[in-house]
Amino acid sequence: MRTVREVGAVAAVVVLVSGCGGGGGGGDAKPTVASSSPSVPASPSSVPPEPPVMLTAEEKVDALAESEGWLPDEVASAYVADICGTLTSREESGADPVEWLTLDKTDGEHAAVLKAGVPLLCPEWSKTVTEVLGSGVRFYSDGTYQVTAKPGSAAEAIAPGAYRVVGALEDCYWERTSKGGEILDNGFATSARDITVTIAVSDGQFTARGCGVWKPVE
């Protein structure tokens, strides 16, 4: 009697799990590690600088006057604007702006404000202001002046030397007198364009009327 062995088929299911160590000839399996670059902190957003504050011409004049201590009781820019307007109106009316500015009797602080402010507010008058106030040369208009070697800041004093007046001169009278008042030389022009007078060291006084502005001859 032949014995028959009946072998049942057994299905073997092998589940391979990646990352698990398993024996076998294929070598050890290593876990896969995801590589990542180091994180870089985001730079803060750049803030554009604020634009510089732009001052007006008037504000520049006032700021300068404040820093220098000029005219603490006045608005410097308003003073300069007033002088600019007067010079312009005199020119438009046919009067001599230089003569008016010479007679204005401007003190040191006001002169400093004008020399600094006129180029900003009315540059067309810069040359005139520099000529009258900023050149260090004194001009003379109508009046009687005592002749002295060093007049300094004395309002009614004039130094010896040559002086010239130019323009449309009508009814211009001038005279040089001795210390005792005797007339040494004089002149009267009903129509002239250029007059030069030389004041001597020995003269006592110099007087001018209706001639405009006398400027030292360099």
Protein backbone atom coordinates (compact mmCIF):
# COMPACT_ATOMS: atom_id res chain seq x y z
CA MET A 1 0.00 0.00 0.00
CA ARG A 2 1.48 3.26 -1.20
CA THR A 3 1.35 6.12 1.22
CA VAL A 4 0.61 9.48 -0.38
CA ARG A 5 1.64 12.59 1.47
CA GLU A 6 -0.41 15.56 0.70
CA VAL A 7 1.58 18.72 1.14
CA GLY A 8 -0.50 21.87 1.51
CA ALA A 9 0.82 25.05 -0.12
CA VAL A 10 1.54 27.61 2.53
CA ALA A 11 1.67 31.14 1.30
CA ALA A 12 4.41 33.02 3.09
CA VAL A 13 4.01 36.77 3.10
CA VAL A 14 7.11 38.70 3.85
CA VAL A 15 6.67 42.30 4.67
CA LEU A 16 9.76 44.34 4.36
CA VAL A 17 9.70 47.49 6.33
CA SER A 18 12.18 50.07 5.16
CA GLY A 19 14.42 51.18 7.96
CA CYS A 20 14.22 47.95 9.93
CA GLY A 21 17.35 45.97 10.37
CA GLY A 22 17.14 42.56 8.83
CA GLY A 23 19.65 39.86 8.32
CA GLY A 24 20.58 39.02 4.81
CA GLY A 25 23.46 39.08 2.51
CA GLY A 26 22.53 42.46 1.04
CA GLY A 27 24.19 44.45 3.90
CA ASP A 28 22.70 46.48 6.61
CA ALA A 29 19.98 48.94 5.61
CA LYS A 30 20.44 52.45 7.03
CA PRO A 31 17.69 54.95 7.65
CA THR A 32 17.44 57.78 5.21
CA VAL A 33 18.01 61.16 6.83
CA ALA A 34 16.62 64.18 4.99
CA SER A 35 19.30 66.87 4.67
CA SER A 36 18.32 70.51 5.16
CA SER A 37 20.26 73.81 4.83
CA PRO A 38 20.66 75.88 7.99
CA SER A 39 17.93 78.48 8.24
CA VAL A 40 18.97 82.09 7.61
CA PRO A 41 17.10 84.66 9.62
CA ALA A 42 15.30 87.15 7.43
CA SER A 43 16.94 90.55 7.42
CA PRO A 44 14.78 93.34 8.75
CA SER A 45 13.24 95.46 6.06
CA SER A 46 15.36 98.58 5.42
CA VAL A 47 13.66 101.86 6.32
CA PRO A 48 14.56 104.73 3.96
CA PRO A 49 15.95 107.80 5.76
CA GLU A 50 13.69 110.76 6.11
CA PRO A 51 14.42 113.53 3.59
CA PRO A 52 16.21 116.56 5.03
CA VAL A 53 14.06 119.45 6.08
CA MET A 54 14.32 122.21 3.48
CA LEU A 55 14.20 125.69 4.97
CA THR A 56 12.77 128.64 3.10
CA ALA A 57 14.95 131.69 2.51
CA GLU A 58 13.09 133.53 5.28
CA GLU A 59 13.63 130.65 7.72
CA LYS A 60 17.35 130.60 6.89
CA VAL A 61 17.66 134.31 7.65
CA ASP A 62 15.76 133.96 10.93
CA ALA A 63 17.76 130.89 11.98
CA LEU A 64 21.05 132.65 11.29
CA ALA A 65 19.96 135.76 13.16
CA GLU A 66 18.91 133.65 16.14
CA SER A 67 22.19 131.70 16.21
CA GLU A 68 24.22 134.93 16.05
CA GLY A 69 22.05 136.81 18.51
CA TRP A 70 21.07 139.50 16.00
CA LEU A 71 17.86 141.51 16.49
CA PRO A 72 16.37 139.43 19.33
CA ASP A 73 13.30 141.68 19.43
CA GLU A 74 12.67 141.72 15.68
CA VAL A 75 11.90 139.21 12.93
CA ALA A 76 15.07 139.39 10.88
CA SER A 77 13.54 138.18 7.63
CA ALA A 78 10.77 140.79 7.87
CA TYR A 79 13.35 143.54 8.38
CA VAL A 80 15.37 142.40 5.35
CA ALA A 81 12.23 142.13 3.20
CA ASP A 82 11.25 145.68 4.19
CA ILE A 83 14.67 147.05 3.18
CA CYS A 84 14.52 145.12 -0.11
CA GLY A 85 11.11 146.59 -0.86
CA THR A 86 12.25 150.13 -0.05
CA LEU A 87 15.30 149.87 -2.28
CA THR A 88 13.16 148.62 -5.15
CA SER A 89 10.48 151.28 -4.72
CA ARG A 90 13.07 154.07 -4.62
CA GLU A 91 14.69 152.81 -7.80
CA GLU A 92 11.30 152.60 -9.52
CA SER A 93 10.50 156.17 -8.46
CA GLY A 94 13.79 157.48 -9.87
CA ALA A 95 15.43 158.10 -6.47
CA ASP A 96 18.91 156.86 -5.57
CA PRO A 97 18.74 153.62 -3.53
CA VAL A 98 22.41 153.92 -2.57
CA GLU A 99 21.84 157.39 -1.13
CA TRP A 100 18.87 156.19 0.92
CA LEU A 101 20.79 153.19 2.28
CA THR A 102 23.72 155.45 3.13
CA LEU A 103 21.44 157.74 5.13
CA ASP A 104 19.67 154.83 6.85
CA LYS A 105 22.18 154.98 9.77
CA THR A 106 22.20 151.20 10.03
CA ASP A 107 23.84 149.87 13.20
CA GLY A 108 26.13 146.85 13.39
CA GLU A 109 23.47 144.21 14.02
CA HIS A 110 21.12 145.46 11.31
CA ALA A 111 24.01 145.74 8.86
CA ALA A 112 25.03 142.14 9.60
CA VAL A 113 21.46 140.93 9.02
CA LEU A 114 21.27 142.79 5.70
CA LYS A 115 24.61 141.49 4.47
CA ALA A 116 23.52 137.93 5.29
CA GLY A 117 19.86 138.19 4.32
CA VAL A 118 19.79 140.29 1.16
CA PRO A 119 21.62 137.65 -0.95
CA LEU A 120 18.86 135.19 0.05
CA LEU A 121 15.76 137.38 -0.19
CA CYS A 122 16.66 139.94 -2.88
CA PRO A 123 19.99 139.05 -4.50
CA GLU A 124 19.59 141.87 -7.04
CA TRP A 125 20.51 144.27 -4.20
CA SER A 126 23.50 142.30 -2.91
CA LYS A 127 26.04 144.48 -4.70
CA THR A 128 24.50 147.68 -3.35
CA VAL A 129 24.36 146.40 0.23
CA THR A 130 27.94 145.14 0.04
CA GLU A 131 29.08 148.43 -1.44
CA VAL A 132 27.44 150.55 1.25
CA LEU A 133 27.63 148.28 4.32
CA GLY A 134 30.09 145.53 3.64
CA SER A 135 33.09 147.08 1.94
CA GLY A 136 34.43 148.86 5.00
CA VAL A 137 34.34 152.12 3.01
CA ARG A 138 32.07 154.86 4.30
CA PHE A 139 29.89 156.97 1.99
CA TYR A 140 28.65 160.49 2.69
CA SER A 141 25.48 162.29 1.72
CA ASP A 142 24.00 165.70 2.54
CA GLY A 143 25.31 167.31 5.70
CA THR A 144 28.24 169.05 7.34
CA TYR A 145 31.14 166.86 8.45
CA GLN A 146 34.07 167.64 10.71
CA VAL A 147 37.40 166.85 9.06
CA THR A 148 39.47 164.50 11.20
CA ALA A 149 42.29 162.08 10.43
CA LYS A 150 40.51 159.15 12.10
CA PRO A 151 36.74 159.61 11.95
CA GLY A 152 36.01 156.09 13.14
CA SER A 153 32.29 155.56 13.57
CA ALA A 154 31.51 159.21 14.31
CA ALA A 155 28.43 160.08 12.26
CA GLU A 156 29.43 163.68 11.53
CA ALA A 157 33.13 163.16 10.75
CA ILE A 158 35.01 162.71 7.49
CA ALA A 159 38.64 161.85 6.76
CA PRO A 160 40.86 163.95 4.48
CA GLY A 161 41.10 162.68 0.90
CA ALA A 162 39.40 162.80 -2.47
CA TYR A 163 35.67 162.19 -2.76
CA ARG A 164 33.57 161.77 -5.88
CA VAL A 165 29.88 161.98 -6.67
CA VAL A 166 28.45 160.66 -9.95
CA GLY A 167 24.98 160.87 -11.47
CA ALA A 168 22.48 163.36 -12.80
CA LEU A 169 23.50 166.22 -10.52
CA GLU A 170 21.18 169.20 -10.34
CA ASP A 171 21.53 172.04 -7.83
CA CYS A 172 24.47 170.36 -6.15
CA TYR A 173 26.35 172.61 -3.73
CA TRP A 174 29.51 171.76 -1.78
CA GLU A 175 32.09 173.69 0.21
CA ARG A 176 35.29 173.21 2.15
CA THR A 177 35.79 175.52 5.11
CA SER A 178 38.56 176.23 7.60
CA LYS A 179 38.27 175.40 11.27
CA GLY A 180 37.15 178.99 11.74
CA GLY A 181 34.41 178.66 9.11
CA GLU A 182 36.01 180.59 6.21
CA ILE A 183 35.17 179.13 2.79
CA LEU A 184 38.33 177.64 1.27
CA ASP A 185 36.69 176.25 -1.86
CA ASN A 186 33.16 175.63 -3.05
CA GLY A 187 31.09 174.83 -6.09
CA PHE A 188 27.51 174.90 -7.31
CA ALA A 189 26.39 172.78 -10.24
CA THR A 190 22.98 173.17 -11.85
CA SER A 191 23.76 170.31 -14.24
CA ALA A 192 26.69 167.92 -13.83
CA ARG A 193 27.47 164.23 -14.06
CA ASP A 194 30.77 163.85 -12.16
CA ILE A 195 32.29 166.00 -9.39
CA THR A 196 35.44 165.29 -7.39
CA VAL A 197 36.50 167.28 -4.31
CA THR A 198 39.75 166.85 -2.37
CA ILE A 199 39.53 167.56 1.35
CA ALA A 200 42.82 168.67 2.91
CA VAL A 201 44.14 167.61 6.30
CA SER A 202 44.05 171.26 7.39
CA ASP A 203 40.35 171.71 6.48
CA GLY A 204 37.84 172.19 9.26
CA GLN A 205 34.56 171.10 7.68
CA PHE A 206 33.07 169.74 4.49
CA THR A 207 29.46 170.52 3.56
CA ALA A 208 27.32 169.11 0.74
CA ARG A 209 23.70 169.69 -0.23
CA GLY A 210 21.69 168.10 -3.02
CA CYS A 211 24.61 166.15 -4.47
CA GLY A 212 23.77 162.55 -3.68
CA VAL A 213 26.36 160.17 -2.29
CA TRP A 214 30.08 161.02 -2.08
CA LYS A 215 32.37 157.99 -2.29
CA PRO A 216 36.08 157.94 -1.43
CA VAL A 217 38.31 157.84 -4.49
CA GLU A 218 40.65 154.87 -4.22
